[in-house]
Protein backbone atom coordinates (compact mmCIF):
# COMPACT_ATOMS: atom_id res chain seq x y z
CA MET A 1 -45.07 -10.28 -11.21
CA LEU A 2 -41.50 -9.02 -10.80
CA LYS A 3 -40.04 -9.05 -7.33
CA PRO A 4 -39.38 -5.46 -6.13
CA ARG A 5 -35.70 -4.53 -6.18
CA LYS A 6 -33.95 -3.17 -3.09
CA LYS A 7 -32.88 0.41 -3.78
CA VAL A 8 -29.55 1.18 -2.11
CA ALA A 9 -27.66 4.48 -2.35
CA LEU A 10 -23.86 4.44 -2.17
CA LEU A 11 -22.28 7.54 -0.66
CA VAL A 12 -18.72 6.30 -1.08
CA GLU A 13 -15.97 8.33 -2.74
CA THR A 14 -14.28 7.22 -5.95
CA SER A 15 -11.18 9.41 -5.54
CA LEU A 16 -9.32 6.90 -3.33
CA GLY A 17 -8.41 3.27 -3.86
CA SER A 18 -10.04 2.34 -0.54
CA GLY A 19 -13.38 3.78 -1.63
CA ARG A 20 -13.21 2.09 -5.01
CA GLY A 21 -12.44 -1.21 -3.27
CA ILE A 22 -15.53 -0.82 -1.08
CA LEU A 23 -17.67 -0.09 -4.14
CA ARG A 24 -16.38 -3.21 -5.89
CA GLY A 25 -17.30 -5.30 -2.86
CA ILE A 26 -20.81 -3.83 -2.77
CA ALA A 27 -21.20 -4.43 -6.51
CA LYS A 28 -20.10 -8.05 -6.07
CA PHE A 29 -22.79 -8.64 -3.45
CA ALA A 30 -25.43 -6.86 -5.55
CA ARG A 31 -24.66 -9.08 -8.55
CA GLN A 32 -24.89 -12.22 -6.43
CA SER A 33 -28.12 -11.08 -4.80
CA GLY A 34 -29.82 -10.23 -8.09
CA ASP A 35 -32.48 -7.98 -6.56
CA TRP A 36 -30.53 -4.79 -5.82
CA GLN A 37 -30.63 -1.46 -7.64
CA LEU A 38 -27.66 0.78 -6.86
CA PHE A 39 -27.60 4.60 -6.88
CA HIS A 40 -24.23 6.36 -6.81
CA LYS A 41 -22.61 9.68 -7.62
CA ALA A 42 -18.85 9.78 -8.15
CA GLY A 43 -16.97 12.22 -5.92
CA GLY A 44 -14.40 12.83 -3.22
CA LEU A 45 -14.29 11.87 0.45
CA SER A 46 -15.17 15.37 1.69
CA ASP A 47 -18.09 15.95 -0.70
CA THR A 48 -21.50 16.83 0.77
CA LEU A 49 -24.61 14.70 0.24
CA PRO A 50 -25.99 14.85 -3.31
CA ASP A 51 -29.15 16.95 -3.69
CA TRP A 52 -31.19 14.01 -4.95
CA ILE A 53 -30.78 12.02 -1.74
CA HIS A 54 -33.25 14.22 0.17
CA ASP A 55 -36.17 13.31 -2.15
CA TRP A 56 -34.96 9.82 -2.96
CA GLU A 57 -37.42 7.01 -2.27
CA GLY A 58 -34.98 4.23 -1.52
CA ASP A 59 -34.51 1.47 1.04
CA ALA A 60 -31.02 1.93 2.54
CA ILE A 61 -27.73 3.79 2.31
CA ILE A 62 -24.10 2.66 2.58
CA ALA A 63 -21.92 5.68 3.37
CA ARG A 64 -18.48 6.80 4.43
CA ILE A 65 -19.67 9.29 7.03
CA GLN A 66 -16.99 11.97 7.07
CA GLY A 67 -18.35 14.37 9.70
CA PRO A 68 -21.20 15.51 11.98
CA GLN A 69 -23.05 17.41 9.24
CA MET A 70 -23.25 14.34 7.02
CA ARG A 71 -24.21 12.18 10.00
CA ASP A 72 -27.05 14.54 11.01
CA GLU A 73 -28.41 14.73 7.45
CA LEU A 74 -28.42 10.95 7.16
CA GLU A 75 -30.16 10.54 10.50
CA ALA A 76 -32.89 12.93 9.33
CA LEU A 77 -33.65 10.68 6.32
CA ASN A 78 -34.98 7.99 8.70
CA ILE A 79 -33.89 4.98 6.61
CA PRO A 80 -31.31 2.25 7.38
CA VAL A 81 -27.69 3.38 7.02
CA VAL A 82 -24.45 1.40 7.32
CA ASP A 83 -21.22 3.36 7.88
CA VAL A 84 -18.05 2.11 6.17
CA LEU A 85 -15.65 4.80 7.45
CA GLY A 86 -16.01 5.16 11.22
CA VAL A 87 -14.54 8.67 11.47
CA CYS A 88 -17.28 10.27 13.60
CA GLU A 89 -19.49 8.73 16.26
CA ASN A 90 -23.00 7.83 15.14
CA ARG A 91 -25.78 5.37 15.86
CA PHE A 92 -25.37 3.46 12.59
CA PRO A 93 -23.86 -0.03 12.25
CA LEU A 94 -20.19 0.09 11.25
CA VAL A 95 -18.24 -2.17 8.91
CA HIS A 96 -14.58 -1.23 8.72
CA VAL A 97 -11.08 -2.55 8.08
CA ASP A 98 -9.17 -3.68 11.18
CA ASN A 99 -6.63 -0.92 11.83
CA SER A 100 -4.87 -2.83 14.60
CA ALA A 101 -4.39 -5.91 12.42
CA ILE A 102 -3.10 -3.73 9.57
CA ALA A 103 -0.43 -2.23 11.83
CA LYS A 104 0.59 -5.64 13.17
CA ILE A 105 1.33 -7.13 9.74
CA VAL A 106 3.41 -4.07 8.82
CA ALA A 107 5.41 -4.47 12.04
CA ALA A 108 5.94 -8.17 11.27
CA HIS A 109 7.07 -7.27 7.73
CA PHE A 110 9.73 -4.94 9.14
CA ARG A 111 10.82 -7.31 11.92
CA GLU A 112 11.53 -9.99 9.32
CA ARG A 113 13.97 -7.50 7.77
CA ASN A 114 15.88 -6.98 11.04
CA PHE A 115 14.97 -3.32 11.63
CA ALA A 116 15.51 -1.86 15.10
CA GLN A 117 14.30 1.69 14.39
CA PHE A 118 10.61 2.23 13.61
CA ALA A 119 8.52 5.29 12.78
CA TYR A 120 4.96 6.20 11.84
CA TYR A 121 3.75 9.09 9.67
CA GLY A 122 0.04 9.83 10.06
CA ILE A 123 -2.72 12.41 9.92
CA ALA A 124 -3.44 14.46 13.05
CA GLY A 125 -7.01 14.27 14.31
CA GLU A 126 -8.08 11.29 12.17
CA ASN A 127 -9.10 8.43 14.45
CA TRP A 128 -8.33 5.67 11.93
CA SER A 129 -4.80 7.04 11.40
CA GLU A 130 -4.22 7.37 15.14
CA GLN A 131 -5.50 3.82 15.71
CA ARG A 132 -2.99 2.51 13.18
CA GLY A 133 -0.19 4.55 14.73
CA ASP A 134 -0.97 3.38 18.28
CA ALA A 135 -1.13 -0.26 17.18
CA PHE A 136 2.12 0.02 15.22
CA ALA A 137 3.87 1.59 18.22
CA ALA A 138 2.62 -1.21 20.47
CA ALA A 139 3.74 -3.89 18.00
CA CYS A 140 7.24 -2.37 17.77
CA ARG A 141 7.69 -1.49 21.44
CA ASP A 142 9.81 -4.51 22.33
CA GLU A 143 11.75 -4.51 19.05
CA GLY A 144 13.47 -1.12 19.08
CA ASN A 145 13.01 2.65 19.16
CA PHE A 146 9.81 4.29 17.91
CA HIS A 147 9.33 7.74 16.34
CA LEU A 148 6.08 9.52 15.43
CA LEU A 149 4.96 12.39 13.21
CA ASN A 150 1.33 13.41 12.68
CA THR A 151 0.53 16.43 10.51
CA PRO A 152 -2.83 17.91 9.43
CA ARG A 153 -4.69 16.56 6.41
CA ASP A 154 -3.64 18.15 3.08
CA SER A 155 -0.31 19.13 4.61
CA GLY A 156 2.00 17.37 2.15
CA LYS A 157 2.20 20.12 -0.46
CA GLN A 158 5.70 21.07 -1.53
CA ARG A 159 7.06 24.25 0.13
CA SER A 160 4.40 24.15 2.87
CA THR A 161 5.46 24.37 6.51
CA PRO A 162 4.21 20.82 7.31
CA PHE A 163 6.14 19.43 4.33
CA ARG A 164 9.32 21.11 5.57
CA GLN A 165 8.55 19.60 8.98
CA LEU A 166 8.33 16.17 7.31
CA GLN A 167 11.66 16.74 5.53
CA GLU A 168 13.38 17.71 8.79
CA TRP A 169 11.81 14.80 10.68
CA VAL A 170 12.84 12.11 8.20
CA ALA A 171 16.34 13.61 7.88
CA LYS A 172 16.88 13.43 11.64
CA LEU A 173 15.59 9.88 12.11
CA PRO A 174 18.29 7.32 13.02
CA LYS A 175 19.05 5.09 10.05
CA PRO A 176 18.24 2.52 8.90
CA VAL A 177 14.60 3.05 9.85
CA ALA A 178 11.34 1.34 8.90
CA ILE A 179 8.40 3.71 8.47
CA MET A 180 4.71 2.84 8.28
CA VAL A 181 2.54 5.53 6.70
CA CYS A 182 -1.17 5.72 7.43
CA SER A 183 -2.15 5.65 3.74
CA ASP A 184 -0.65 5.44 0.28
CA GLN A 185 -1.24 9.16 -0.23
CA ARG A 186 0.98 9.88 2.75
CA GLY A 187 3.46 7.37 1.37
CA LEU A 188 3.97 9.49 -1.73
CA GLU A 189 4.58 12.56 0.46
CA LEU A 190 7.16 10.70 2.54
CA LEU A 191 8.99 9.36 -0.50
CA GLU A 192 9.07 12.87 -1.99
CA ALA A 193 10.59 14.17 1.25
CA CYS A 194 13.23 11.41 1.20
CA LEU A 195 14.10 12.23 -2.41
CA SER A 196 14.40 15.95 -1.66
CA GLU A 197 16.73 15.20 1.29
CA GLY A 198 18.88 12.72 -0.64
CA ILE A 199 17.82 9.81 1.59
CA ALA A 200 18.05 6.42 -0.11
CA VAL A 201 14.89 4.28 -0.12
CA PRO A 202 14.84 1.45 0.88
CA GLU A 203 18.51 1.34 1.92
CA GLN A 204 18.21 4.01 4.63
CA VAL A 205 14.43 4.32 4.94
CA ALA A 206 12.05 1.43 4.21
CA VAL A 207 8.41 2.43 3.71
CA VAL A 208 5.06 0.59 3.72
CA GLY A 209 1.71 2.28 3.05
CA VAL A 210 -1.89 1.16 3.43
CA ASP A 211 -4.73 0.64 0.89
CA ASN A 212 -2.68 -0.74 -2.04
CA ASP A 213 -3.92 2.02 -4.33
CA THR A 214 -2.11 0.59 -7.34
CA ALA A 215 -1.88 3.82 -9.33
CA LEU A 216 -0.38 5.74 -6.41
CA CYS A 217 1.96 2.90 -5.44
CA GLU A 218 3.37 2.49 -8.92
CA ILE A 219 3.92 6.19 -9.73
CA SER A 220 5.88 6.70 -6.51
CA ASP A 221 9.68 6.65 -6.59
CA PRO A 222 10.52 3.93 -5.73
CA PRO A 223 7.26 1.94 -6.08
CA LEU A 224 5.50 1.78 -2.70
CA SER A 225 4.88 -1.43 -0.75
CA SER A 226 1.37 -1.39 0.68
CA VAL A 227 -1.13 -3.35 2.75
CA ARG A 228 -4.25 -4.70 1.11
CA GLY A 229 -6.53 -3.28 3.75
CA GLY A 230 -9.53 -5.50 3.05
CA HIS A 231 -11.79 -2.79 1.61
CA LEU A 232 -13.34 -5.05 -1.04
CA ARG A 233 -14.47 -7.48 1.64
CA ALA A 234 -15.62 -4.57 3.84
CA GLY A 235 -17.89 -3.42 1.00
CA PHE A 236 -19.25 -6.94 0.55
CA GLU A 237 -19.91 -7.35 4.28
CA ALA A 238 -21.58 -3.92 4.48
CA ALA A 239 -23.90 -4.89 1.64
CA SER A 240 -24.65 -8.21 3.33
CA LEU A 241 -25.51 -6.35 6.54
CA VAL A 242 -27.85 -4.00 4.67
CA ASP A 243 -29.56 -6.99 3.07
CA GLN A 244 -30.08 -8.62 6.46
CA ILE A 245 -31.49 -5.39 7.88
CA LEU A 246 -33.94 -5.05 4.98
CA THR A 247 -35.09 -8.67 5.25
CA LYS A 248 -35.26 -8.35 9.06
CA SER A 249 -33.04 -11.39 9.54
CA LYS A 250 -30.28 -11.67 12.14
CA THR A 251 -27.70 -8.93 11.67
CA LEU A 252 -23.93 -9.16 11.88
CA PRO A 253 -22.23 -7.74 14.97
CA SER A 254 -21.30 -4.05 14.82
CA PRO A 255 -18.69 -2.88 14.50
CA LEU A 256 -17.59 -5.60 12.12
CA LEU A 257 -13.82 -5.41 11.57
CA VAL A 258 -12.44 -6.91 8.37
CA PRO A 259 -8.83 -8.24 8.50
CA PRO A 260 -6.21 -7.12 5.97
CA ASN A 261 -5.28 -9.27 3.01
CA GLY A 262 -1.48 -9.20 3.21
CA ILE A 263 1.16 -6.83 1.86
CA VAL A 264 1.97 -6.19 -1.79
CA GLU A 265 5.73 -5.86 -1.57
CA ARG A 266 7.34 -3.36 -3.90
CA GLU A 267 10.76 -1.73 -3.99
CA SER A 268 10.21 0.69 -1.07
CA SER A 269 10.62 -2.14 1.47
CA GLN A 270 12.46 -4.83 -0.48
CA ILE A 271 15.57 -4.88 1.68
CA ARG A 272 16.93 -6.03 4.99
CA ALA A 273 18.13 -3.38 7.40
CA ILE A 274 21.72 -2.35 6.57
CA ASP A 275 23.53 -0.78 9.52
CA ASP A 276 26.68 -0.05 7.53
CA GLU A 277 26.02 3.28 5.78
CA VAL A 278 28.79 2.67 3.23
CA VAL A 279 27.28 -0.67 2.23
CA ALA A 280 23.83 0.95 2.05
CA ARG A 281 25.19 3.52 -0.41
CA GLY A 282 26.77 0.72 -2.43
CA VAL A 283 23.49 -1.17 -2.55
CA ARG A 284 21.77 1.98 -3.76
CA PHE A 285 24.39 2.33 -6.51
CA ILE A 286 23.76 -1.27 -7.57
CA ARG A 287 19.97 -0.80 -7.69
CA ASP A 288 20.31 2.42 -9.69
CA ASN A 289 22.69 0.82 -12.20
CA LEU A 290 21.40 -2.73 -12.66
CA ALA A 291 21.20 -2.23 -16.42
CA GLU A 292 24.88 -1.26 -16.61
CA PRO A 293 28.02 -3.49 -16.56
CA ILE A 294 28.70 -3.07 -12.82
CA THR A 295 32.05 -4.15 -11.35
CA ASN A 296 33.14 -4.42 -7.73
CA SER A 297 35.76 -1.75 -8.33
CA LEU A 298 33.17 0.65 -9.76
CA ILE A 299 30.86 0.17 -6.75
CA ALA A 300 33.71 0.63 -4.28
CA GLN A 301 34.80 3.77 -6.10
CA SER A 302 31.27 5.17 -5.85
CA VAL A 303 31.34 4.91 -2.03
CA GLY A 304 34.96 6.00 -1.60
CA ILE A 305 36.71 2.93 -0.18
CA SER A 306 38.93 0.18 -1.56
CA ARG A 307 37.44 -2.74 -3.45
CA THR A 308 38.77 -5.31 -0.97
CA LEU A 309 37.38 -3.48 2.06
CA PHE A 310 34.01 -2.92 0.41
CA GLN A 311 33.71 -6.60 -0.55
CA LYS A 312 34.44 -7.60 3.06
CA ARG A 313 31.95 -5.13 4.56
CA PHE A 314 29.32 -6.03 1.95
CA ARG A 315 29.43 -9.74 2.78
CA GLU A 316 29.35 -9.02 6.52
CA SER A 317 26.25 -6.81 6.12
CA ILE A 318 24.32 -8.62 3.37
CA GLY A 319 25.40 -12.23 3.87
CA GLN A 320 26.25 -12.84 0.22
CA SER A 321 28.80 -11.74 -2.34
CA ILE A 322 28.32 -8.65 -4.50
CA ARG A 323 28.06 -10.84 -7.59
CA GLU A 324 25.31 -12.97 -6.00
CA TYR A 325 23.41 -9.89 -4.89
CA ILE A 326 23.56 -8.25 -8.34
CA LEU A 327 22.41 -11.43 -10.11
CA GLU A 328 19.56 -11.96 -7.63
CA HIS A 329 18.21 -8.44 -8.22
CA ARG A 330 18.65 -8.60 -11.98
CA ILE A 331 16.61 -11.82 -12.02
CA ALA A 332 13.92 -10.26 -9.81
CA ARG A 333 13.65 -7.20 -12.06
CA ALA A 334 13.56 -9.37 -15.19
CA LEU A 335 10.77 -11.57 -13.79
CA HIS A 336 8.77 -8.46 -12.88
CA LEU A 337 9.07 -7.18 -16.46
CA ILE A 338 8.39 -10.57 -18.03
CA THR A 339 5.10 -10.99 -16.14
CA GLY A 340 4.09 -7.35 -15.79
CA SER A 341 4.94 -5.78 -19.16
CA ASP A 342 4.79 -6.41 -22.90
CA PHE A 343 8.43 -5.45 -23.50
CA PRO A 344 10.23 -7.78 -25.94
CA LEU A 345 12.62 -10.18 -24.18
CA ALA A 346 15.60 -8.54 -25.87
CA GLN A 347 14.60 -5.21 -24.36
CA ILE A 348 14.11 -6.79 -20.92
CA ALA A 349 17.59 -8.30 -21.14
CA ASP A 350 19.03 -4.87 -21.89
CA ARG A 351 17.06 -3.18 -19.08
CA CYS A 352 18.25 -5.74 -16.53
CA GLY A 353 21.95 -5.86 -17.38
CA PHE A 354 22.06 -9.16 -19.26
CA ARG A 355 24.34 -9.23 -22.30
CA HIS A 356 21.67 -10.53 -24.68
CA GLN A 357 18.31 -12.29 -24.79
CA GLU A 358 19.86 -15.77 -24.93
CA TYR A 359 21.84 -15.19 -21.74
CA LEU A 360 18.70 -13.86 -20.02
CA GLY A 361 16.94 -17.08 -21.00
CA GLN A 362 19.74 -19.25 -19.60
CA VAL A 363 19.79 -17.42 -16.27
CA ILE A 364 16.00 -17.41 -15.85
CA LYS A 365 15.75 -21.10 -16.80
CA LYS A 366 18.42 -22.00 -14.23
CA ALA A 367 16.75 -19.92 -11.49
CA THR A 368 13.13 -20.95 -12.08
CA GLY A 369 13.13 -24.10 -14.19
CA SER A 370 11.13 -22.32 -16.92
CA SER A 371 12.08 -20.16 -19.89
CA PRO A 372 11.08 -16.47 -20.03
CA GLY A 373 8.59 -17.28 -22.79
CA GLN A 374 6.95 -20.02 -20.70
CA ILE A 375 6.75 -17.73 -17.66
CA ARG A 376 5.12 -14.96 -19.70
CA LYS A 377 2.61 -17.36 -21.27
CA GLU A 378 1.67 -18.90 -17.92
CA SER A 379 1.23 -15.43 -16.45
CA LYS A 380 -1.09 -14.37 -19.27
CA ASP A 381 -3.04 -17.64 -19.17
CA ALA A 382 -3.61 -17.17 -15.44
CA GLY A 383 -4.65 -13.56 -15.94
CA THR A 384 -3.13 -10.53 -14.23
CA PRO A 385 -2.87 -11.32 -10.49
CA SER A 386 -5.38 -9.41 -8.40
CA ARG A 387 -3.83 -6.69 -6.31
CA SER A 388 -7.07 -5.27 -5.00
CA ASN A 389 -8.11 -4.64 -1.44
């Protein structure tokens, strides 16, 4: 006789990377367990309960409980529920990412880059966003000045009053400044505001988001650095807790806070703080023109000072020569394209400012000990590195 399967409903949105990470963690546990049957309806974070849940004859529910109405409806079902959001108070066990730990690793990331001005852009009235903001402020308190902006949810639309408020806020911040945003969605809004105000990222404003929603991070301009919040593990732990509840074994403590899994560093924070505004503009010129034959005279001309003076100020600010800096960033861009794209090596050489494919190979071999072809093969043999939560 077949062992009865545990029927578990998943009321977790698929519109955000964090929700999809939680679902992957739950699915991983279900596969390992072998006796789960999952029920799920794709949707957004603010969606109401699906109609079928009220007549559903299942064993437990894992949900991101968004508000009192959802909480009350779930309580009325009288079956075990585990919350994986923690937005509104309820009697259910909670498994959630550790907002304080997330903020602390962002602060450490910025401190390593010598920033003395810090800021946080969050969502007003959302407890998880406010927790991250409070923890980030505390972590930065002894390192420099702190600035805060919270605006209502769905306030980042172009031409809206809150978006204009964001533009004015980021324009007035002392530079260079390191900004943590509560989520990757807010990161896109902030980067759009910087672009509209002509503020160079990361030279004047460095930005780190949360959730590592790869699609959002990579369509932003520049690509957004982001914290792997730990949502995959949160989903796995929530499923484990449900299983323990259903088998009446010892349960995990609640709330269970899952630590973050590091930062995926992208271009939005790949810089050390540059106090010299002229040098910052020069660095921006270099980054924007890496594929071109850049000369010291051309860079100095772009910022409006003599070549000799710019070279002196550049070394004082960056700690290396212009030539060394350009080569370092051309190599970094080339390695990113070698491992993360299928572009032919000749095209990569052209995109990164190397004269030809053979010269690219010489430079990469000297820097890494391996040829571009070997690096690409090893990357493919290892599989695409996981950048999940």
